[in-house]
Amino acid sequence: MIALAGISRTFKVGDQEVHALREVDLQIEPGEYVAVMGPSGSGKSTLMHLLGLLDHPSSGSYTLDEREVGSLDEGERARLRREKIGFVFQFFHLVPRMTAAQNIGLPLILAGIPPAERPSRIEAALEGFGIADRAGHRPDQLSGGQRQRVAIARATILQPSILLADEPTGNLDRATGKEVLDLLESLWRTGLTLLIVTHDPEIGERASRRLRMEDGRIVEDRLSPGRPGGGPTGDGGGGAGGDDAR
């Protein structure tokens, strides 16, 4: 599904160049559950933004579903992102003036879904994520866990094949974070490809595959003990690196 070859990302900071990613090679198969770990500044979020087509590499090749995305214009990138990728962030990024239902329905508007189809899809998402009783509440009227449920519902309402989550439990208490992680894993078990950027070693242990980054490089790529294969049915997802450290 995802293939990176020699991906680098360099930023200009004043007169200096910052190398956020350094010639990263990575393959991710459909249905994998991958935790991307490492210290702050290791390149985790930059990698996530590149995978999500929110940023461009300075060099290298990114192939998504056998399509090289480097040559796509911004309209094509936006369409591909909308069709295939959902995003969940630590700080939710909900629209403050919109209700939970309106936030969830926003991607439907952007995707041009006919107005007559939207209410039933929004209602199903609210029910499915256990927030139907909060449909008319704005984000400031919701708990952190409820806001993240709204954000996940919004990220998946167009049924993407890939879900990218950047520290999705980082702004939640441990009990609520576990509930959110359970929810994300339930989506993964339906066949969704799930990538989570995290500092939390417990999340790393739960994922089927763990990548560790340092100084813009993937320095370790392992399958988790007891969860072979990386796929939701344990059928050999694998990907670059297998269960050998890189």
Protein backbone atom coordinates (compact mmCIF):
# COMPACT_ATOMS: atom_id res chain seq x y z
CA MET A 1 0.00 0.00 0.00
CA ILE A 2 2.77 2.44 1.01
CA ALA A 3 6.34 2.44 -0.30
CA LEU A 4 8.94 5.08 0.54
CA ALA A 5 12.32 4.99 -1.18
CA GLY A 6 15.11 7.31 -0.12
CA ILE A 7 12.75 9.90 1.37
CA SER A 8 14.44 12.96 2.87
CA ARG A 9 12.95 16.17 4.21
CA THR A 10 15.04 19.25 4.87
CA PHE A 11 13.84 22.54 6.35
CA LYS A 12 15.55 25.91 6.22
CA VAL A 13 15.83 27.57 9.65
CA GLY A 14 17.61 30.88 9.15
CA ASP A 15 20.93 30.06 7.50
CA GLN A 16 20.86 26.46 8.68
CA GLU A 17 19.37 23.31 7.20
CA VAL A 18 17.49 20.94 9.49
CA HIS A 19 17.33 17.34 8.28
CA ALA A 20 14.00 16.07 9.59
CA LEU A 21 14.13 12.85 7.54
CA ARG A 22 17.23 11.19 6.07
CA GLU A 23 16.80 8.72 3.19
CA VAL A 24 13.97 6.74 4.75
CA ASP A 25 12.97 3.45 3.12
CA LEU A 26 9.68 1.95 4.29
CA GLN A 27 6.98 -0.41 3.08
CA ILE A 28 3.61 -0.81 4.77
CA GLU A 29 1.14 -3.47 3.68
CA PRO A 30 -2.67 -3.14 3.76
CA GLY A 31 -4.13 -3.85 7.18
CA GLU A 32 -0.99 -3.29 9.24
CA TYR A 33 -1.05 -1.69 12.70
CA VAL A 34 2.16 0.30 13.05
CA ALA A 35 3.42 2.37 15.99
CA VAL A 36 6.01 5.01 15.10
CA MET A 37 8.13 5.79 18.16
CA GLY A 38 11.18 7.81 19.11
CA PRO A 39 12.25 10.93 21.01
CA SER A 40 11.00 14.43 20.22
CA GLY A 41 12.62 15.75 17.07
CA SER A 42 13.33 12.29 15.66
CA GLY A 43 11.15 12.86 12.59
CA LYS A 44 7.99 10.98 13.61
CA SER A 45 5.49 13.75 12.85
CA THR A 46 7.32 14.77 9.68
CA LEU A 47 7.03 11.18 8.46
CA MET A 48 3.32 11.19 9.30
CA HIS A 49 2.74 14.44 7.41
CA LEU A 50 4.51 13.08 4.35
CA LEU A 51 2.54 9.83 4.46
CA GLY A 52 -0.66 11.86 4.73
CA LEU A 53 0.23 14.06 1.74
CA LEU A 54 0.29 17.13 3.98
CA ASP A 55 3.93 17.81 3.07
CA HIS A 56 6.34 17.14 0.22
CA PRO A 57 9.67 15.33 0.53
CA SER A 58 12.84 17.16 -0.44
CA SER A 59 13.99 14.03 -2.27
CA GLY A 60 13.01 10.42 -2.76
CA SER A 61 9.91 8.60 -3.97
CA TYR A 62 6.54 7.93 -2.31
CA THR A 63 4.22 5.37 -3.88
CA LEU A 64 0.68 5.00 -2.56
CA ASP A 65 -1.40 2.12 -3.94
CA GLU A 66 1.08 1.74 -6.82
CA ARG A 67 0.81 5.43 -7.70
CA GLU A 68 3.84 7.69 -7.40
CA VAL A 69 2.49 10.79 -5.72
CA GLY A 70 5.42 13.15 -6.28
CA SER A 71 4.20 14.21 -9.70
CA LEU A 72 0.62 14.91 -8.63
CA ASP A 73 -0.64 18.49 -8.53
CA GLU A 74 -2.25 19.86 -5.36
CA GLY A 75 -5.78 19.09 -6.55
CA GLU A 76 -4.90 15.46 -7.24
CA ARG A 77 -3.10 15.17 -3.90
CA ALA A 78 -6.13 16.60 -2.08
CA ARG A 79 -8.46 14.17 -3.83
CA LEU A 80 -6.22 11.19 -3.06
CA ARG A 81 -5.91 12.31 0.56
CA ARG A 82 -9.68 12.72 0.88
CA GLU A 83 -10.41 9.31 -0.64
CA LYS A 84 -7.81 7.20 1.13
CA ILE A 85 -6.52 8.84 4.32
CA GLY A 86 -8.06 9.89 7.62
CA PHE A 87 -6.26 11.95 10.28
CA VAL A 88 -6.53 12.05 14.08
CA PHE A 89 -4.47 14.53 16.11
CA GLN A 90 -3.57 15.01 19.76
CA PHE A 91 -5.46 18.30 20.05
CA PHE A 92 -8.54 17.16 18.07
CA HIS A 93 -8.61 20.13 15.61
CA LEU A 94 -12.40 20.39 15.73
CA VAL A 95 -14.11 23.55 14.45
CA PRO A 96 -15.09 25.39 17.67
CA ARG A 97 -18.31 26.98 16.40
CA MET A 98 -19.65 23.72 14.96
CA THR A 99 -21.57 21.04 16.83
CA ALA A 100 -20.31 17.46 17.04
CA ALA A 101 -22.66 16.46 14.22
CA GLN A 102 -21.52 19.36 12.05
CA ASN A 103 -17.84 18.57 12.64
CA ILE A 104 -18.41 14.93 11.68
CA GLY A 105 -20.31 15.96 8.56
CA LEU A 106 -17.72 18.44 7.31
CA PRO A 107 -15.80 15.90 5.16
CA LEU A 108 -19.08 14.92 3.47
CA ILE A 109 -19.55 18.53 2.34
CA LEU A 110 -15.95 18.81 1.13
CA ALA A 111 -16.29 15.53 -0.78
CA GLY A 112 -19.48 16.69 -2.50
CA ILE A 113 -21.75 14.05 -0.94
CA PRO A 114 -25.37 14.98 -1.80
CA PRO A 115 -27.16 16.77 1.08
CA ALA A 116 -29.87 14.12 1.21
CA GLU A 117 -27.32 11.44 2.07
CA ARG A 118 -25.50 13.31 4.81
CA PRO A 119 -27.89 13.08 7.81
CA SER A 120 -28.09 9.28 7.80
CA ARG A 121 -24.32 8.93 7.55
CA ILE A 122 -23.74 11.43 10.35
CA GLU A 123 -26.34 9.71 12.54
CA ALA A 124 -24.71 6.32 11.94
CA ALA A 125 -21.30 7.75 12.90
CA LEU A 126 -22.66 9.36 16.07
CA GLU A 127 -24.30 6.08 17.08
CA GLY A 128 -21.30 3.97 16.12
CA PHE A 129 -18.89 6.05 18.20
CA GLY A 130 -21.19 6.33 21.22
CA ILE A 131 -21.76 10.09 21.05
CA ALA A 132 -25.32 10.33 19.71
CA ASP A 133 -26.38 12.17 22.85
CA ARG A 134 -23.73 14.82 22.16
CA ALA A 135 -24.73 15.55 18.56
CA GLY A 136 -25.75 19.15 19.26
CA HIS A 137 -22.85 20.02 21.57
CA ARG A 138 -19.93 22.21 20.54
CA PRO A 139 -16.36 21.06 21.32
CA ASP A 140 -16.11 23.25 24.43
CA GLN A 141 -19.13 21.38 25.81
CA LEU A 142 -17.49 17.96 25.38
CA SER A 143 -14.95 16.05 27.45
CA GLY A 144 -11.55 15.25 25.97
CA GLY A 145 -12.57 11.68 25.23
CA GLN A 146 -15.79 12.81 23.55
CA ARG A 147 -13.89 15.32 21.43
CA GLN A 148 -11.50 12.61 20.29
CA ARG A 149 -14.42 10.34 19.41
CA VAL A 150 -15.87 13.14 17.30
CA ALA A 151 -12.47 13.61 15.65
CA ILE A 152 -12.19 9.88 14.88
CA ALA A 153 -15.74 9.80 13.52
CA ARG A 154 -14.91 12.76 11.29
CA ALA A 155 -11.68 11.08 10.14
CA THR A 156 -13.43 7.87 9.12
CA ILE A 157 -16.82 9.00 7.81
CA LEU A 158 -15.57 8.79 4.21
CA GLN A 159 -14.30 5.24 4.91
CA PRO A 160 -10.59 5.76 4.20
CA SER A 161 -8.28 2.78 3.87
CA ILE A 162 -5.54 4.41 6.00
CA LEU A 163 -5.88 6.13 9.38
CA LEU A 164 -2.95 8.25 10.62
CA ALA A 165 -3.06 9.17 14.32
CA ASP A 166 -0.50 11.60 15.78
CA GLU A 167 -0.35 11.15 19.59
CA PRO A 168 -4.12 10.44 19.73
CA THR A 169 -4.06 9.71 23.48
CA GLY A 170 -1.47 12.34 24.43
CA ASN A 171 -4.02 14.87 25.69
CA LEU A 172 -6.14 12.37 27.62
CA ASP A 173 -5.98 10.71 31.02
CA ARG A 174 -4.91 7.07 31.05
CA ALA A 175 -8.39 5.55 31.33
CA THR A 176 -9.84 7.71 28.56
CA GLY A 177 -6.74 7.15 26.44
CA LYS A 178 -7.24 3.39 26.71
CA GLU A 179 -10.85 3.77 25.54
CA VAL A 180 -9.72 5.78 22.52
CA LEU A 181 -7.00 3.26 21.71
CA ASP A 182 -9.53 0.41 21.97
CA LEU A 183 -11.72 2.32 19.53
CA LEU A 184 -8.87 2.81 17.06
CA GLU A 185 -7.99 -0.87 17.29
CA SER A 186 -11.61 -1.86 16.63
CA LEU A 187 -11.39 0.12 13.38
CA TRP A 188 -8.11 -1.61 12.52
CA ARG A 189 -9.76 -5.00 12.98
CA THR A 190 -12.19 -4.14 10.19
CA GLY A 191 -9.22 -4.03 7.78
CA LEU A 192 -8.14 -0.41 8.12
CA THR A 193 -4.40 0.31 7.98
CA LEU A 194 -3.51 2.10 11.23
CA LEU A 195 -0.37 4.13 11.93
CA ILE A 196 0.06 5.79 15.32
CA VAL A 197 2.81 8.23 16.26
CA THR A 198 3.35 7.89 19.99
CA HIS A 199 5.73 8.35 22.90
CA ASP A 200 3.81 5.74 24.91
CA PRO A 201 5.63 2.36 25.11
CA GLU A 202 2.36 0.62 26.01
CA ILE A 203 0.89 1.60 22.65
CA GLY A 204 4.05 0.34 21.01
CA GLU A 205 3.56 -3.02 22.70
CA ARG A 206 -0.04 -3.22 21.47
CA ALA A 207 0.80 -2.47 17.83
CA SER A 208 1.64 -5.32 15.47
CA ARG A 209 4.73 -3.53 14.20
CA ARG A 210 6.99 -0.97 15.82
CA LEU A 211 9.23 1.54 14.09
CA ARG A 212 11.74 3.49 16.13
CA MET A 213 13.15 6.72 14.76
CA GLU A 214 16.24 8.68 15.71
CA ASP A 215 17.69 11.73 13.94
CA GLY A 216 15.39 11.39 10.96
CA ARG A 217 16.12 7.70 10.35
CA ILE A 218 14.27 4.47 11.07
CA VAL A 219 16.75 2.66 13.32
CA GLU A 220 14.52 -0.24 14.31
CA ASP A 221 11.64 -2.05 12.61
CA ARG A 222 10.14 -4.97 14.53
CA LEU A 223 7.04 -7.10 14.61
CA SER A 224 5.60 -7.28 18.12
CA PRO A 225 6.05 -10.58 19.99
CA GLY A 226 2.86 -12.60 20.03
CA ARG A 227 1.26 -10.57 17.24
CA PRO A 228 2.93 -11.99 14.13
CA GLY A 229 2.10 -10.85 10.65
CA GLY A 230 1.00 -7.28 11.30
CA GLY A 231 -2.46 -7.75 9.76
CA PRO A 232 -5.77 -7.68 11.65
CA THR A 233 -6.14 -11.44 11.15
CA GLY A 234 -2.45 -12.24 11.76
CA ASP A 235 -1.98 -13.39 8.16
CA GLY A 236 1.47 -12.11 7.34
CA GLY A 237 1.27 -8.34 6.89
CA GLY A 238 5.01 -7.83 7.49
CA GLY A 239 6.53 -5.07 5.40
CA ALA A 240 10.08 -3.80 5.21
CA GLY A 241 12.29 -4.97 8.02
CA GLY A 242 10.19 -7.91 9.23
CA ASP A 243 11.17 -8.86 12.76
CA ASP A 244 14.80 -7.84 12.35
CA ALA A 245 16.14 -4.61 13.80
CA ARG A 246 17.26 -2.18 11.14
